[in-house]
Amino acid sequence: MTRVVLSLLCLTTLLVSLPAGAARRSRGGAKANAACTTALQRAVALEGEAKLIEARKEISTCVKSRCGRAIKRKCLVRYTRLRKNIPTVIPEVRNDKGSLVRDVEVTMDGQMLTPYTDGRALQINPGLHEFSFSDEQGVIDKKSIDVAPGQQNRRIVVTTTR
């Protein structure tokens, strides 16, 4: 009889303590999954607007271990695709002798892209962009370039006589 009472008492204690711990884990997991789902939804919307860099940043929050396996898997697939689809450009300025000129500022759509040209590839969102090349004497050249998703190392070359 004592054995049965002790077993029931242990079982009751186990049942009473389990839901509280499980509820805490469940609430924490639910909050994390909700945040992950929201990040995935925002990333999908940004990708639809061709804002791939912003989408990758958003989706990087849901590839973390705190997200549920199913959401994390979806995020990881999308993150990988975004990494491949973000285009890169290489702004390049050459003088009339063909030598590279490095002290040139490059803006894209009126925003600073790089303060100098150094031959590195720069990530940008796909689409039609206006690139402006300037030095201390003013604008050297402007170019409108349509950059496709996934296009890598697209050279944008301008020549200066300065």
N, C-alpha and C. Protein backbone atom coordinates (compact mmCIF):
# COMPACT_ATOMS: atom_id res chain seq x y z
N MET A 1 0.81 -1.19 0.00
CA MET A 1 0.00 0.00 0.00
C MET A 1 0.86 1.25 0.00
N THR A 2 1.90 1.28 0.80
CA THR A 2 2.80 2.41 0.88
C THR A 2 3.45 2.65 -0.48
N ARG A 3 3.78 1.56 -1.15
CA ARG A 3 4.40 1.66 -2.47
C ARG A 3 3.45 2.33 -3.47
N VAL A 4 2.19 1.98 -3.44
CA VAL A 4 1.20 2.55 -4.34
C VAL A 4 1.02 4.03 -4.05
N VAL A 5 0.96 4.40 -2.78
CA VAL A 5 0.79 5.80 -2.38
C VAL A 5 2.01 6.61 -2.83
N LEU A 6 3.20 6.06 -2.60
CA LEU A 6 4.42 6.76 -3.01
C LEU A 6 4.47 6.90 -4.54
N SER A 7 4.08 5.87 -5.25
CA SER A 7 4.07 5.95 -6.71
C SER A 7 3.09 7.00 -7.19
N LEU A 8 1.90 7.03 -6.59
CA LEU A 8 0.90 8.04 -6.97
C LEU A 8 1.39 9.44 -6.63
N LEU A 9 2.01 9.56 -5.48
CA LEU A 9 2.53 10.86 -5.07
C LEU A 9 3.62 11.34 -6.05
N CYS A 10 4.52 10.44 -6.43
CA CYS A 10 5.58 10.80 -7.40
C CYS A 10 4.97 11.15 -8.75
N LEU A 11 3.99 10.37 -9.19
CA LEU A 11 3.34 10.62 -10.45
C LEU A 11 2.62 11.96 -10.44
N THR A 12 1.93 12.26 -9.36
CA THR A 12 1.23 13.54 -9.23
C THR A 12 2.22 14.70 -9.26
N THR A 13 3.31 14.56 -8.52
CA THR A 13 4.34 15.60 -8.51
C THR A 13 4.92 15.80 -9.90
N LEU A 14 5.17 14.71 -10.59
CA LEU A 14 5.70 14.79 -11.94
C LEU A 14 4.72 15.47 -12.88
N LEU A 15 3.45 15.12 -12.80
CA LEU A 15 2.44 15.71 -13.67
C LEU A 15 2.23 17.19 -13.38
N VAL A 16 2.29 17.55 -12.12
CA VAL A 16 2.10 18.96 -11.76
C VAL A 16 3.30 19.79 -12.20
N SER A 17 4.51 19.27 -12.05
CA SER A 17 5.69 20.06 -12.40
C SER A 17 5.97 20.09 -13.90
N LEU A 18 5.61 19.06 -14.63
CA LEU A 18 5.88 19.02 -16.06
C LEU A 18 5.17 20.11 -16.86
N PRO A 19 3.89 20.31 -16.70
CA PRO A 19 3.23 21.33 -17.51
C PRO A 19 3.83 22.72 -17.32
N ALA A 20 4.24 23.07 -16.11
CA ALA A 20 4.81 24.40 -15.89
C ALA A 20 6.11 24.56 -16.68
N GLY A 21 6.99 23.58 -16.59
CA GLY A 21 8.24 23.64 -17.34
C GLY A 21 7.98 23.57 -18.83
N ALA A 22 7.08 22.70 -19.24
CA ALA A 22 6.76 22.57 -20.66
C ALA A 22 6.12 23.84 -21.18
N ALA A 23 5.28 24.46 -20.35
CA ALA A 23 4.62 25.70 -20.77
C ALA A 23 5.65 26.80 -20.96
N ARG A 24 6.64 26.87 -20.03
CA ARG A 24 7.67 27.88 -20.18
C ARG A 24 8.45 27.67 -21.47
N ARG A 25 8.85 26.42 -21.72
CA ARG A 25 9.59 26.12 -22.96
C ARG A 25 8.73 26.40 -24.17
N SER A 26 7.46 26.06 -24.06
CA SER A 26 6.54 26.25 -25.19
C SER A 26 6.35 27.73 -25.48
N ARG A 27 6.16 28.54 -24.42
CA ARG A 27 5.99 29.98 -24.63
C ARG A 27 7.25 30.58 -25.23
N GLY A 28 8.42 30.21 -24.71
CA GLY A 28 9.68 30.71 -25.25
C GLY A 28 9.87 30.27 -26.68
N GLY A 29 9.56 29.01 -26.95
CA GLY A 29 9.66 28.49 -28.31
C GLY A 29 8.66 29.15 -29.23
N ALA A 30 7.46 29.39 -28.73
CA ALA A 30 6.43 30.03 -29.55
C ALA A 30 6.83 31.46 -29.90
N LYS A 31 7.40 32.17 -28.91
CA LYS A 31 7.85 33.54 -29.18
C LYS A 31 8.97 33.56 -30.20
N ALA A 32 9.92 32.62 -30.04
CA ALA A 32 11.03 32.55 -30.99
C ALA A 32 10.52 32.20 -32.38
N ASN A 33 9.62 31.22 -32.46
CA ASN A 33 9.07 30.84 -33.76
C ASN A 33 8.26 31.96 -34.39
N ALA A 34 7.54 32.72 -33.57
CA ALA A 34 6.77 33.85 -34.10
C ALA A 34 7.72 34.90 -34.67
N ALA A 35 8.80 35.18 -33.96
CA ALA A 35 9.78 36.15 -34.45
C ALA A 35 10.44 35.64 -35.72
N CYS A 36 10.71 34.36 -35.76
CA CYS A 36 11.34 33.76 -36.95
C CYS A 36 10.39 33.80 -38.14
N THR A 37 9.15 33.49 -37.90
CA THR A 37 8.15 33.53 -38.97
C THR A 37 7.98 34.95 -39.49
N THR A 38 7.96 35.91 -38.59
CA THR A 38 7.85 37.32 -38.98
C THR A 38 9.06 37.74 -39.82
N ALA A 39 10.25 37.33 -39.40
CA ALA A 39 11.47 37.66 -40.15
C ALA A 39 11.41 37.04 -41.55
N LEU A 40 10.94 35.81 -41.64
CA LEU A 40 10.81 35.15 -42.94
C LEU A 40 9.81 35.89 -43.83
N GLN A 41 8.69 36.28 -43.26
CA GLN A 41 7.68 37.01 -44.03
C GLN A 41 8.20 38.35 -44.52
N ARG A 42 8.90 39.08 -43.64
CA ARG A 42 9.47 40.37 -44.05
C ARG A 42 10.52 40.18 -45.15
N ALA A 43 11.33 39.12 -45.02
CA ALA A 43 12.35 38.85 -46.03
C ALA A 43 11.72 38.54 -47.38
N VAL A 44 10.64 37.77 -47.37
CA VAL A 44 9.93 37.45 -48.62
C VAL A 44 9.40 38.73 -49.26
N ALA A 45 8.82 39.61 -48.44
CA ALA A 45 8.29 40.88 -48.96
C ALA A 45 9.42 41.75 -49.54
N LEU A 46 10.54 41.84 -48.83
CA LEU A 46 11.68 42.63 -49.32
C LEU A 46 12.24 42.04 -50.61
N GLU A 47 12.30 40.73 -50.67
CA GLU A 47 12.79 40.09 -51.89
C GLU A 47 11.87 40.40 -53.07
N GLY A 48 10.58 40.45 -52.81
CA GLY A 48 9.62 40.80 -53.84
C GLY A 48 9.79 42.22 -54.35
N GLU A 49 10.36 43.09 -53.52
CA GLU A 49 10.63 44.48 -53.90
C GLU A 49 12.04 44.65 -54.48
N ALA A 50 12.73 43.54 -54.72
CA ALA A 50 14.12 43.53 -55.24
C ALA A 50 15.10 44.16 -54.26
N LYS A 51 14.78 44.13 -52.98
CA LYS A 51 15.69 44.61 -51.94
C LYS A 51 16.37 43.39 -51.31
N LEU A 52 17.24 42.78 -52.10
CA LEU A 52 17.84 41.50 -51.72
C LEU A 52 18.79 41.62 -50.54
N ILE A 53 19.54 42.70 -50.48
CA ILE A 53 20.48 42.89 -49.37
C ILE A 53 19.72 43.01 -48.05
N GLU A 54 18.65 43.79 -48.06
CA GLU A 54 17.84 43.95 -46.86
C GLU A 54 17.14 42.64 -46.49
N ALA A 55 16.70 41.89 -47.51
CA ALA A 55 16.04 40.60 -47.27
C ALA A 55 17.02 39.61 -46.63
N ARG A 56 18.26 39.60 -47.12
CA ARG A 56 19.27 38.69 -46.54
C ARG A 56 19.54 39.06 -45.09
N LYS A 57 19.61 40.34 -44.80
CA LYS A 57 19.84 40.77 -43.42
C LYS A 57 18.68 40.33 -42.53
N GLU A 58 17.47 40.50 -43.03
CA GLU A 58 16.27 40.11 -42.27
C GLU A 58 16.26 38.60 -42.03
N ILE A 59 16.55 37.85 -43.07
CA ILE A 59 16.45 36.40 -42.97
C ILE A 59 17.57 35.80 -42.13
N SER A 60 18.65 36.53 -41.97
CA SER A 60 19.76 36.01 -41.16
C SER A 60 19.34 35.82 -39.71
N THR A 61 18.29 36.53 -39.28
CA THR A 61 17.82 36.36 -37.90
C THR A 61 17.08 35.05 -37.70
N CYS A 62 16.54 34.46 -38.76
CA CYS A 62 15.77 33.23 -38.56
C CYS A 62 16.54 31.97 -38.97
N VAL A 63 17.83 32.07 -39.25
CA VAL A 63 18.63 30.88 -39.48
C VAL A 63 19.35 30.45 -38.21
N LYS A 64 19.05 31.13 -37.13
CA LYS A 64 19.68 30.83 -35.85
C LYS A 64 19.00 29.63 -35.19
N SER A 65 19.68 29.03 -34.25
CA SER A 65 19.20 27.80 -33.64
C SER A 65 17.93 27.98 -32.82
N ARG A 66 17.61 29.18 -32.39
CA ARG A 66 16.41 29.38 -31.56
C ARG A 66 15.12 29.20 -32.35
N CYS A 67 15.21 29.21 -33.66
CA CYS A 67 14.03 29.01 -34.49
C CYS A 67 13.76 27.51 -34.61
N GLY A 68 12.51 27.18 -34.81
CA GLY A 68 12.14 25.79 -35.00
C GLY A 68 12.78 25.23 -36.26
N ARG A 69 12.92 23.91 -36.28
CA ARG A 69 13.61 23.26 -37.40
C ARG A 69 12.99 23.56 -38.75
N ALA A 70 11.67 23.51 -38.84
CA ALA A 70 11.00 23.73 -40.14
C ALA A 70 11.22 25.15 -40.64
N ILE A 71 11.07 26.14 -39.74
CA ILE A 71 11.27 27.54 -40.13
C ILE A 71 12.74 27.78 -40.45
N LYS A 72 13.61 27.25 -39.62
CA LYS A 72 15.05 27.42 -39.85
C LYS A 72 15.45 26.86 -41.21
N ARG A 73 14.90 25.71 -41.57
CA ARG A 73 15.21 25.09 -42.87
C ARG A 73 14.76 26.00 -44.01
N LYS A 74 13.53 26.54 -43.92
CA LYS A 74 13.02 27.45 -44.95
C LYS A 74 13.91 28.69 -45.05
N CYS A 75 14.28 29.22 -43.91
CA CYS A 75 15.12 30.42 -43.89
C CYS A 75 16.49 30.14 -44.49
N LEU A 76 17.05 29.00 -44.17
CA LEU A 76 18.37 28.65 -44.69
C LEU A 76 18.34 28.51 -46.21
N VAL A 77 17.31 27.89 -46.75
CA VAL A 77 17.18 27.74 -48.20
C VAL A 77 17.08 29.12 -48.85
N ARG A 78 16.23 29.99 -48.28
CA ARG A 78 16.05 31.34 -48.84
C ARG A 78 17.33 32.16 -48.68
N TYR A 79 18.00 32.05 -47.54
CA TYR A 79 19.25 32.78 -47.30
C TYR A 79 20.30 32.40 -48.34
N THR A 80 20.42 31.11 -48.62
CA THR A 80 21.38 30.63 -49.61
C THR A 80 21.05 31.18 -50.99
N ARG A 81 19.76 31.17 -51.34
CA ARG A 81 19.34 31.70 -52.64
C ARG A 81 19.62 33.20 -52.74
N LEU A 82 19.33 33.93 -51.66
CA LEU A 82 19.59 35.37 -51.65
C LEU A 82 21.07 35.66 -51.84
N ARG A 83 21.92 34.91 -51.14
CA ARG A 83 23.37 35.12 -51.28
C ARG A 83 23.81 34.98 -52.72
N LYS A 84 23.24 34.01 -53.43
CA LYS A 84 23.61 33.79 -54.84
C LYS A 84 23.01 34.87 -55.74
N ASN A 85 21.86 35.41 -55.38
CA ASN A 85 21.16 36.36 -56.25
C ASN A 85 21.56 37.81 -56.07
N ILE A 86 22.26 38.13 -54.98
CA ILE A 86 22.68 39.52 -54.77
C ILE A 86 23.81 39.83 -55.75
N PRO A 87 23.58 40.77 -56.67
CA PRO A 87 24.61 41.08 -57.66
C PRO A 87 25.74 41.91 -57.07
N THR A 88 26.87 41.88 -57.78
CA THR A 88 28.01 42.72 -57.39
C THR A 88 28.50 43.49 -58.60
N VAL A 89 28.99 44.69 -58.32
CA VAL A 89 29.58 45.52 -59.36
C VAL A 89 30.99 45.92 -58.93
N ILE A 90 31.82 46.20 -59.92
CA ILE A 90 33.18 46.68 -59.66
C ILE A 90 33.34 48.01 -60.39
N PRO A 91 33.19 49.13 -59.66
CA PRO A 91 33.41 50.42 -60.29
C PRO A 91 34.90 50.60 -60.59
N GLU A 92 35.18 51.07 -61.78
CA GLU A 92 36.58 51.20 -62.20
C GLU A 92 36.76 52.49 -62.99
N VAL A 93 37.79 53.23 -62.63
CA VAL A 93 38.11 54.46 -63.35
C VAL A 93 39.53 54.33 -63.88
N ARG A 94 39.67 54.65 -65.17
CA ARG A 94 40.99 54.59 -65.81
C ARG A 94 41.30 55.95 -66.42
N ASN A 95 42.58 56.29 -66.40
CA ASN A 95 42.98 57.54 -67.05
C ASN A 95 43.20 57.27 -68.53
N ASP A 96 43.56 58.32 -69.29
CA ASP A 96 43.71 58.17 -70.74
C ASP A 96 44.87 57.24 -71.14
N LYS A 97 45.72 56.88 -70.18
CA LYS A 97 46.81 55.93 -70.44
C LYS A 97 46.41 54.49 -70.08
N GLY A 98 45.21 54.34 -69.53
CA GLY A 98 44.73 53.01 -69.17
C GLY A 98 45.02 52.59 -67.74
N SER A 99 45.68 53.46 -66.96
CA SER A 99 46.00 53.14 -65.56
C SER A 99 44.78 53.37 -64.68
N LEU A 100 44.69 52.56 -63.62
CA LEU A 100 43.59 52.71 -62.67
C LEU A 100 43.74 53.99 -61.85
N VAL A 101 42.64 54.67 -61.64
CA VAL A 101 42.59 55.86 -60.80
C VAL A 101 41.78 55.47 -59.56
N ARG A 102 42.37 55.65 -58.40
CA ARG A 102 41.71 55.17 -57.17
C ARG A 102 41.00 56.27 -56.39
N ASP A 103 41.41 57.49 -56.50
CA ASP A 103 40.83 58.58 -55.69
C ASP A 103 39.55 59.10 -56.32
N VAL A 104 38.60 58.20 -56.51
CA VAL A 104 37.32 58.56 -57.11
C VAL A 104 36.20 58.04 -56.23
N GLU A 105 35.29 58.93 -55.90
CA GLU A 105 34.11 58.57 -55.11
C GLU A 105 33.01 58.09 -56.06
N VAL A 106 32.32 57.04 -55.67
CA VAL A 106 31.23 56.51 -56.50
C VAL A 106 29.93 56.54 -55.69
N THR A 107 28.92 57.16 -56.30
CA THR A 107 27.59 57.14 -55.69
C THR A 107 26.68 56.31 -56.59
N MET A 108 25.66 55.74 -55.97
CA MET A 108 24.66 54.98 -56.70
C MET A 108 23.30 55.52 -56.27
N ASP A 109 22.55 56.00 -57.23
CA ASP A 109 21.22 56.55 -56.95
C ASP A 109 21.29 57.67 -55.90
N GLY A 110 22.37 58.45 -55.96
CA GLY A 110 22.53 59.58 -55.05
C GLY A 110 23.08 59.23 -53.67
N GLN A 111 23.34 57.96 -53.41
CA GLN A 111 23.87 57.52 -52.12
C GLN A 111 25.30 57.03 -52.30
N MET A 112 26.14 57.27 -51.30
CA MET A 112 27.54 56.84 -51.35
C MET A 112 27.61 55.32 -51.51
N LEU A 113 28.32 54.87 -52.52
CA LEU A 113 28.57 53.45 -52.70
C LEU A 113 29.96 53.10 -52.19
N THR A 114 30.95 53.92 -52.56
CA THR A 114 32.31 53.73 -52.06
C THR A 114 33.06 55.07 -52.16
N PRO A 115 33.88 55.39 -51.16
CA PRO A 115 34.62 56.66 -51.20
C PRO A 115 35.82 56.62 -52.14
N TYR A 116 36.21 55.44 -52.61
CA TYR A 116 37.32 55.30 -53.54
C TYR A 116 37.18 53.98 -54.30
N THR A 117 37.75 53.94 -55.48
CA THR A 117 37.70 52.72 -56.28
C THR A 117 38.97 51.92 -56.01
N ASP A 118 38.78 50.67 -55.61
CA ASP A 118 39.94 49.83 -55.29
C ASP A 118 39.87 48.45 -55.94
N GLY A 119 38.95 48.27 -56.87
CA GLY A 119 38.87 47.00 -57.57
C GLY A 119 38.05 45.92 -56.88
N ARG A 120 37.51 46.26 -55.71
CA ARG A 120 36.69 45.27 -54.99
C ARG A 120 35.27 45.25 -55.53
N ALA A 121 34.67 44.06 -55.49
CA ALA A 121 33.28 43.91 -55.87
C ALA A 121 32.40 44.41 -54.73
N LEU A 122 31.37 45.16 -55.08
CA LEU A 122 30.45 45.72 -54.10
C LEU A 122 29.05 45.15 -54.33
N GLN A 123 28.43 44.71 -53.26
CA GLN A 123 27.07 44.16 -53.37
C GLN A 123 26.06 45.29 -53.50
N ILE A 124 25.12 45.10 -54.41
CA ILE A 124 24.03 46.06 -54.59
C ILE A 124 22.75 45.27 -54.85
N ASN A 125 21.64 45.94 -54.77
CA ASN A 125 20.37 45.32 -55.14
C ASN A 125 20.25 45.34 -56.66
N PRO A 126 19.53 44.37 -57.22
CA PRO A 126 19.34 44.38 -58.67
C PRO A 126 18.45 45.55 -59.09
N GLY A 127 18.51 45.88 -60.38
CA GLY A 127 17.66 46.93 -60.91
C GLY A 127 18.46 47.97 -61.66
N LEU A 128 17.75 48.98 -62.14
CA LEU A 128 18.37 50.08 -62.87
C LEU A 128 18.92 51.08 -61.87
N HIS A 129 20.19 51.39 -61.99
CA HIS A 129 20.86 52.30 -61.05
C HIS A 129 21.64 53.36 -61.81
N GLU A 130 21.71 54.54 -61.21
CA GLU A 130 22.50 55.65 -61.74
C GLU A 130 23.79 55.73 -60.92
N PHE A 131 24.94 55.49 -61.58
CA PHE A 131 26.24 55.57 -60.93
C PHE A 131 26.90 56.88 -61.33
N SER A 132 27.49 57.56 -60.34
CA SER A 132 28.18 58.81 -60.59
C SER A 132 29.60 58.69 -60.03
N PHE A 133 30.58 59.07 -60.84
CA PHE A 133 31.98 58.99 -60.47
C PHE A 133 32.51 60.41 -60.33
N SER A 134 33.08 60.74 -59.15
CA SER A 134 33.56 62.11 -58.89
C SER A 134 34.92 62.10 -58.22
N ASP A 135 35.67 63.13 -58.51
CA ASP A 135 36.92 63.37 -57.78
C ASP A 135 36.86 64.78 -57.20
N GLU A 136 37.99 65.30 -56.71
CA GLU A 136 37.98 66.62 -56.08
C GLU A 136 37.64 67.73 -57.07
N GLN A 137 37.75 67.48 -58.36
CA GLN A 137 37.42 68.48 -59.37
C GLN A 137 35.96 68.43 -59.82
N GLY A 138 35.24 67.42 -59.39
CA GLY A 138 33.83 67.31 -59.76
C GLY A 138 33.50 65.98 -60.40
N VAL A 139 32.35 65.94 -61.05
CA VAL A 139 31.86 64.70 -61.66
C VAL A 139 32.70 64.34 -62.88
N ILE A 140 33.15 63.12 -62.93
CA ILE A 140 33.92 62.61 -64.06
C ILE A 140 32.97 62.04 -65.11
N ASP A 141 32.02 61.24 -64.64
CA ASP A 141 31.10 60.59 -65.56
C ASP A 141 29.92 60.03 -64.78
N LYS A 142 28.83 59.80 -65.50
CA LYS A 142 27.64 59.15 -64.93
C LYS A 142 27.24 58.03 -65.87
N LYS A 143 26.75 56.95 -65.29
CA LYS A 143 26.28 55.83 -66.10
C LYS A 143 25.03 55.23 -65.48
N SER A 144 24.05 54.94 -66.32
CA SER A 144 22.87 54.20 -65.89
C SER A 144 23.08 52.75 -66.29
N ILE A 145 22.99 51.87 -65.33
CA ILE A 145 23.26 50.45 -65.56
C ILE A 145 22.11 49.63 -64.97
N ASP A 146 21.61 48.69 -65.76
CA ASP A 146 20.60 47.75 -65.27
C ASP A 146 21.32 46.48 -64.83
N VAL A 147 21.28 46.21 -63.54
CA VAL A 147 22.00 45.08 -62.97
C VAL A 147 21.00 43.97 -62.66
N ALA A 148 21.27 42.78 -63.20
CA ALA A 148 20.37 41.64 -63.05
C ALA A 148 20.66 40.89 -61.75
N PRO A 149 19.62 40.24 -61.19
CA PRO A 149 19.86 39.39 -60.02
C PRO A 149 20.89 38.32 -60.35
N GLY A 150 21.80 38.07 -59.44
CA GLY A 150 22.80 37.03 -59.63
C GLY A 150 24.00 37.44 -60.46
N GLN A 151 23.94 38.61 -61.08
CA GLN A 151 25.07 39.07 -61.90
C GLN A 151 26.24 39.39 -60.97
N GLN A 152 27.37 38.78 -61.24
CA GLN A 152 28.52 38.94 -60.36
C GLN A 152 29.66 39.68 -61.06
N ASN A 153 30.31 40.55 -60.30
CA ASN A 153 31.52 41.25 -60.75
C ASN A 153 31.32 42.04 -62.05
N ARG A 154 30.17 42.68 -62.15
CA ARG A 154 29.90 43.52 -63.33
C ARG A 154 30.78 44.75 -63.26
N ARG A 155 31.66 44.90 -64.21
CA ARG A 155 32.56 46.05 -64.24
C ARG A 155 31.83 47.25 -64.82
N ILE A 156 31.99 48.38 -64.14
CA ILE A 156 31.46 49.65 -64.61
C ILE A 156 32.68 50.54 -64.80
N VAL A 157 33.10 50.68 -66.05
CA VAL A 157 34.36 51.36 -66.35
C VAL A 157 34.07 52.73 -66.94
N VAL A 158 34.75 53.73 -66.38
CA VAL A 158 34.71 55.09 -66.96
C VAL A 158 36.17 55.52 -67.16
N THR A 159 36.34 56.45 -68.08
CA THR A 159 37.67 56.97 -68.39
C THR A 159 37.71 58.45 -68.08
N THR A 160 38.82 58.88 -67.53
CA THR A 160 39.00 60.30 -67.23
C THR A 160 40.25 60.81 -67.93
N THR A 161 40.21 62.08 -68.30
CA THR A 161 41.39 62.71 -68.91
C THR A 161 42.14 63.55 -67.91
N ARG A 162 41.70 63.52 -66.68
CA ARG A 162 42.35 64.33 -65.62
C ARG A 162 43.60 63.67 -65.12
